[in-house]
Amino acid sequence: MTTANKITIARILLVPVFVVELLNYTGNGREWHRLIALAIFLVAAIGDGVDGYVARHYNQRTDMGALLDPLADKLLLVLGLVILSLDNRPWLISIPLWLTGTVLARDVMLLLLMVLVNYLVGHGTVRPRWTGKIATVLQMVCVVWVLAAFTDRWLLSLAFAATGFTALSGIQYLIDALRMLRNRQPPTEPGEGGSGED
């Protein structure tokens, strides 16, 4: 249980609190619920960078961290996008449904590809893409924009950019998965790969 993993687990524990506060605000419009939800989202988002820095800088990378870190990101971000895509008037403007749909479609595709690659190849390594990182940042900006109760003047532009980078990163991950499947080693036939004795 490294420091980085403790930060990641704390981020996961913040997710249900974030959801409860956000749903309370959309239900009754009390401002303190919105402010708490916004603060939790910002703390969890900053924690994402902190635990990554700690893991790299102090050599605390673990298999558990590799599993929990993206889970914490997805839980917070996807739940925020889904809730904020609903009609929450008059309290909040809505994130376009096509952005949330693109994010969900890409994540489901990545999950299926990961299962397929690990089943057929044995173990696949997906390289982080700069497009994926930009997509995540833009998605977070959209959530913060709505939670901060800013006007919808720039939200559509931010959502278009987030959707474009999300789709582009999904295409890149699909190409990576297809490359791993194409380059996989064929199964060893009986009698092959033995001791080399005649």
Protein backbone atom coordinates (compact mmCIF):
# COMPACT_ATOMS: atom_id res chain seq x y z
CA MET A 1 0.00 0.00 0.00
CA THR A 2 2.12 2.86 -1.33
CA THR A 3 1.45 6.56 -0.86
CA ALA A 4 0.38 6.83 -4.50
CA ASN A 5 -2.14 4.01 -4.05
CA LYS A 6 -3.51 5.61 -0.88
CA ILE A 7 -4.14 8.83 -2.82
CA THR A 8 -5.85 6.84 -5.59
CA ILE A 9 -8.10 5.01 -3.10
CA ALA A 10 -8.99 8.35 -1.49
CA ARG A 11 -10.02 9.61 -4.94
CA ILE A 12 -12.27 6.59 -5.43
CA LEU A 13 -13.88 7.17 -2.02
CA LEU A 14 -14.64 10.76 -3.03
CA VAL A 15 -16.70 9.63 -6.04
CA PRO A 16 -19.91 8.64 -4.17
CA VAL A 17 -19.71 11.85 -2.11
CA PHE A 18 -19.40 13.85 -5.35
CA VAL A 19 -22.40 12.07 -6.87
CA VAL A 20 -24.58 12.56 -3.77
CA GLU A 21 -23.76 16.28 -3.54
CA LEU A 22 -24.36 16.80 -7.26
CA LEU A 23 -27.70 14.99 -7.16
CA ASN A 24 -28.71 16.96 -4.07
CA TYR A 25 -27.98 20.21 -5.89
CA THR A 26 -29.88 19.24 -9.03
CA GLY A 27 -32.77 18.23 -6.79
CA ASN A 28 -33.10 21.26 -4.55
CA GLY A 29 -30.79 23.95 -5.95
CA ARG A 30 -28.99 24.67 -2.69
CA GLU A 31 -25.73 26.34 -3.62
CA TRP A 32 -23.59 24.72 -0.96
CA HIS A 33 -24.21 21.31 -2.57
CA ARG A 34 -22.91 22.62 -5.88
CA LEU A 35 -19.85 24.17 -4.25
CA ILE A 36 -19.03 20.96 -2.39
CA ALA A 37 -19.43 18.91 -5.59
CA LEU A 38 -17.18 21.33 -7.46
CA ALA A 39 -14.55 21.26 -4.70
CA ILE A 40 -14.57 17.44 -4.59
CA PHE A 41 -14.20 17.21 -8.36
CA LEU A 42 -11.25 19.63 -8.34
CA VAL A 43 -9.55 17.84 -5.42
CA ALA A 44 -9.97 14.46 -7.13
CA ALA A 45 -8.72 15.84 -10.46
CA ILE A 46 -5.65 17.38 -8.80
CA GLY A 47 -5.13 14.11 -6.91
CA ASP A 48 -4.86 12.36 -10.27
CA GLY A 49 -1.77 14.40 -11.08
CA VAL A 50 -0.37 14.07 -7.56
CA ASP A 51 -0.56 10.28 -7.36
CA GLY A 52 0.95 9.98 -10.83
CA TYR A 53 3.84 12.24 -9.82
CA VAL A 54 4.41 10.36 -6.57
CA ALA A 55 4.34 6.99 -8.35
CA ARG A 56 6.90 8.12 -10.94
CA HIS A 57 9.14 10.26 -8.75
CA TYR A 58 9.36 7.82 -5.84
CA ASN A 59 9.26 4.62 -7.91
CA GLN A 60 5.91 3.53 -6.45
CA ARG A 61 4.38 2.05 -9.61
CA THR A 62 2.41 -1.09 -8.77
CA ASP A 63 -0.02 -3.42 -10.53
CA MET A 64 -2.75 -2.29 -8.14
CA GLY A 65 -2.06 1.34 -8.99
CA ALA A 66 -2.15 0.58 -12.70
CA LEU A 67 -5.65 -0.86 -12.19
CA LEU A 68 -7.08 1.62 -9.67
CA ASP A 69 -5.81 4.88 -11.16
CA PRO A 70 -7.76 4.72 -14.45
CA LEU A 71 -10.74 3.33 -12.53
CA ALA A 72 -10.75 6.41 -10.30
CA ASP A 73 -10.54 8.67 -13.35
CA LYS A 74 -13.38 6.94 -15.19
CA LEU A 75 -15.72 6.75 -12.21
CA LEU A 76 -15.43 10.43 -11.43
CA LEU A 77 -15.45 11.74 -14.98
CA VAL A 78 -18.06 9.47 -16.55
CA LEU A 79 -20.52 9.85 -13.67
CA GLY A 80 -20.05 13.61 -13.77
CA LEU A 81 -20.63 13.72 -17.53
CA VAL A 82 -23.71 11.50 -17.36
CA ILE A 83 -25.40 13.46 -14.55
CA LEU A 84 -24.57 16.83 -16.09
CA SER A 85 -25.90 15.69 -19.47
CA LEU A 86 -29.38 15.39 -17.98
CA ASP A 87 -31.87 18.23 -17.96
CA ASN A 88 -30.96 19.96 -14.68
CA ARG A 89 -32.74 23.23 -15.36
CA PRO A 90 -33.08 25.73 -13.86
CA TRP A 91 -30.04 24.99 -11.75
CA LEU A 92 -27.41 24.02 -14.34
CA ILE A 93 -26.81 24.09 -18.06
CA SER A 94 -26.33 20.68 -19.68
CA ILE A 95 -23.29 19.06 -21.25
CA PRO A 96 -24.23 17.96 -24.80
CA LEU A 97 -25.37 14.34 -24.92
CA TRP A 98 -23.19 13.66 -27.97
CA LEU A 99 -20.05 14.33 -25.91
CA THR A 100 -21.15 11.93 -23.17
CA GLY A 101 -22.20 9.36 -25.77
CA THR A 102 -18.80 9.57 -27.48
CA VAL A 103 -16.96 9.14 -24.17
CA LEU A 104 -19.08 6.14 -23.19
CA ALA A 105 -18.75 4.52 -26.63
CA ARG A 106 -14.96 4.93 -26.61
CA ASP A 107 -14.59 3.56 -23.09
CA VAL A 108 -16.78 0.54 -23.82
CA MET A 109 -14.77 -0.09 -27.01
CA LEU A 110 -11.49 0.14 -25.08
CA LEU A 111 -12.77 -2.29 -22.45
CA LEU A 112 -13.81 -4.82 -25.10
CA LEU A 113 -10.51 -4.41 -26.94
CA MET A 114 -8.55 -4.90 -23.72
CA VAL A 115 -10.44 -8.14 -22.98
CA LEU A 116 -9.96 -9.36 -26.57
CA VAL A 117 -6.25 -8.53 -26.68
CA ASN A 118 -5.55 -10.12 -23.30
CA TYR A 119 -7.49 -13.23 -24.32
CA LEU A 120 -5.83 -13.68 -27.72
CA VAL A 121 -2.38 -12.20 -27.12
CA GLY A 122 -1.94 -12.95 -23.44
CA HIS A 123 -0.89 -9.49 -22.38
CA GLY A 124 -1.18 -6.23 -24.25
CA THR A 125 0.36 -2.90 -23.40
CA VAL A 126 -1.55 0.22 -24.41
CA ARG A 127 0.62 3.27 -24.74
CA PRO A 128 -0.88 6.46 -23.34
CA ARG A 129 -1.67 8.83 -26.20
CA TRP A 130 -1.39 12.61 -26.03
CA THR A 131 -4.79 12.81 -27.69
CA GLY A 132 -6.28 10.79 -24.84
CA LYS A 133 -4.70 13.06 -22.25
CA ILE A 134 -6.01 16.18 -24.00
CA ALA A 135 -9.45 14.56 -24.29
CA THR A 136 -9.50 13.86 -20.54
CA VAL A 137 -8.47 17.42 -19.70
CA LEU A 138 -11.14 18.87 -22.00
CA GLN A 139 -13.79 16.57 -20.53
CA MET A 140 -12.80 17.73 -17.05
CA VAL A 141 -12.95 21.36 -18.16
CA CYS A 142 -16.50 20.80 -19.44
CA VAL A 143 -17.57 19.34 -16.10
CA VAL A 144 -15.91 22.15 -14.14
CA TRP A 145 -17.43 24.73 -16.51
CA VAL A 146 -20.95 23.51 -15.77
CA LEU A 147 -20.36 23.01 -12.03
CA ALA A 148 -18.88 26.50 -11.74
CA ALA A 149 -22.15 27.83 -13.21
CA PHE A 150 -20.42 29.66 -16.04
CA THR A 151 -22.47 30.78 -19.01
CA ASP A 152 -22.95 28.39 -21.91
CA ARG A 153 -21.16 30.75 -24.31
CA TRP A 154 -18.01 28.59 -24.61
CA LEU A 155 -19.39 25.24 -23.50
CA LEU A 156 -20.36 24.13 -27.01
CA SER A 157 -16.86 24.86 -28.33
CA LEU A 158 -15.26 23.00 -25.43
CA ALA A 159 -17.61 20.05 -25.97
CA PHE A 160 -16.80 19.93 -29.70
CA ALA A 161 -13.06 19.90 -28.91
CA ALA A 162 -13.47 17.24 -26.23
CA THR A 163 -15.56 15.07 -28.55
CA GLY A 164 -13.02 15.37 -31.37
CA PHE A 165 -10.04 14.41 -29.23
CA THR A 166 -12.03 11.61 -27.55
CA ALA A 167 -12.94 10.12 -30.92
CA LEU A 168 -9.39 10.54 -32.25
CA SER A 169 -7.86 8.84 -29.22
CA GLY A 170 -10.36 5.99 -29.59
CA ILE A 171 -9.28 5.49 -33.21
CA GLN A 172 -5.61 5.45 -32.17
CA TYR A 173 -6.25 2.88 -29.44
CA LEU A 174 -8.21 0.77 -31.94
CA ILE A 175 -5.26 0.86 -34.35
CA ASP A 176 -2.89 -0.12 -31.51
CA ALA A 177 -5.13 -3.06 -30.56
CA LEU A 178 -5.42 -4.26 -34.15
CA ARG A 179 -1.64 -4.06 -34.50
CA MET A 180 -1.14 -6.19 -31.38
CA LEU A 181 -3.66 -8.74 -32.65
CA ARG A 182 -2.00 -8.85 -36.08
CA ASN A 183 1.48 -9.32 -34.59
CA ARG A 184 0.49 -11.98 -32.06
CA GLN A 185 2.47 -15.21 -32.10
CA PRO A 186 0.65 -18.26 -33.46
CA PRO A 187 -0.01 -21.05 -30.92
CA THR A 188 2.73 -23.64 -30.60
CA GLU A 189 1.87 -26.98 -32.20
CA PRO A 190 2.60 -30.24 -30.36
CA GLY A 191 6.19 -31.19 -30.92
CA GLU A 192 7.30 -27.64 -31.63
CA GLY A 193 9.33 -25.51 -29.28
CA GLY A 194 10.58 -28.54 -27.33
CA SER A 195 14.05 -29.33 -26.10
CA GLY A 196 15.47 -29.44 -29.60
CA GLU A 197 16.26 -33.17 -29.34
CA ASP A 198 15.56 -35.37 -32.43
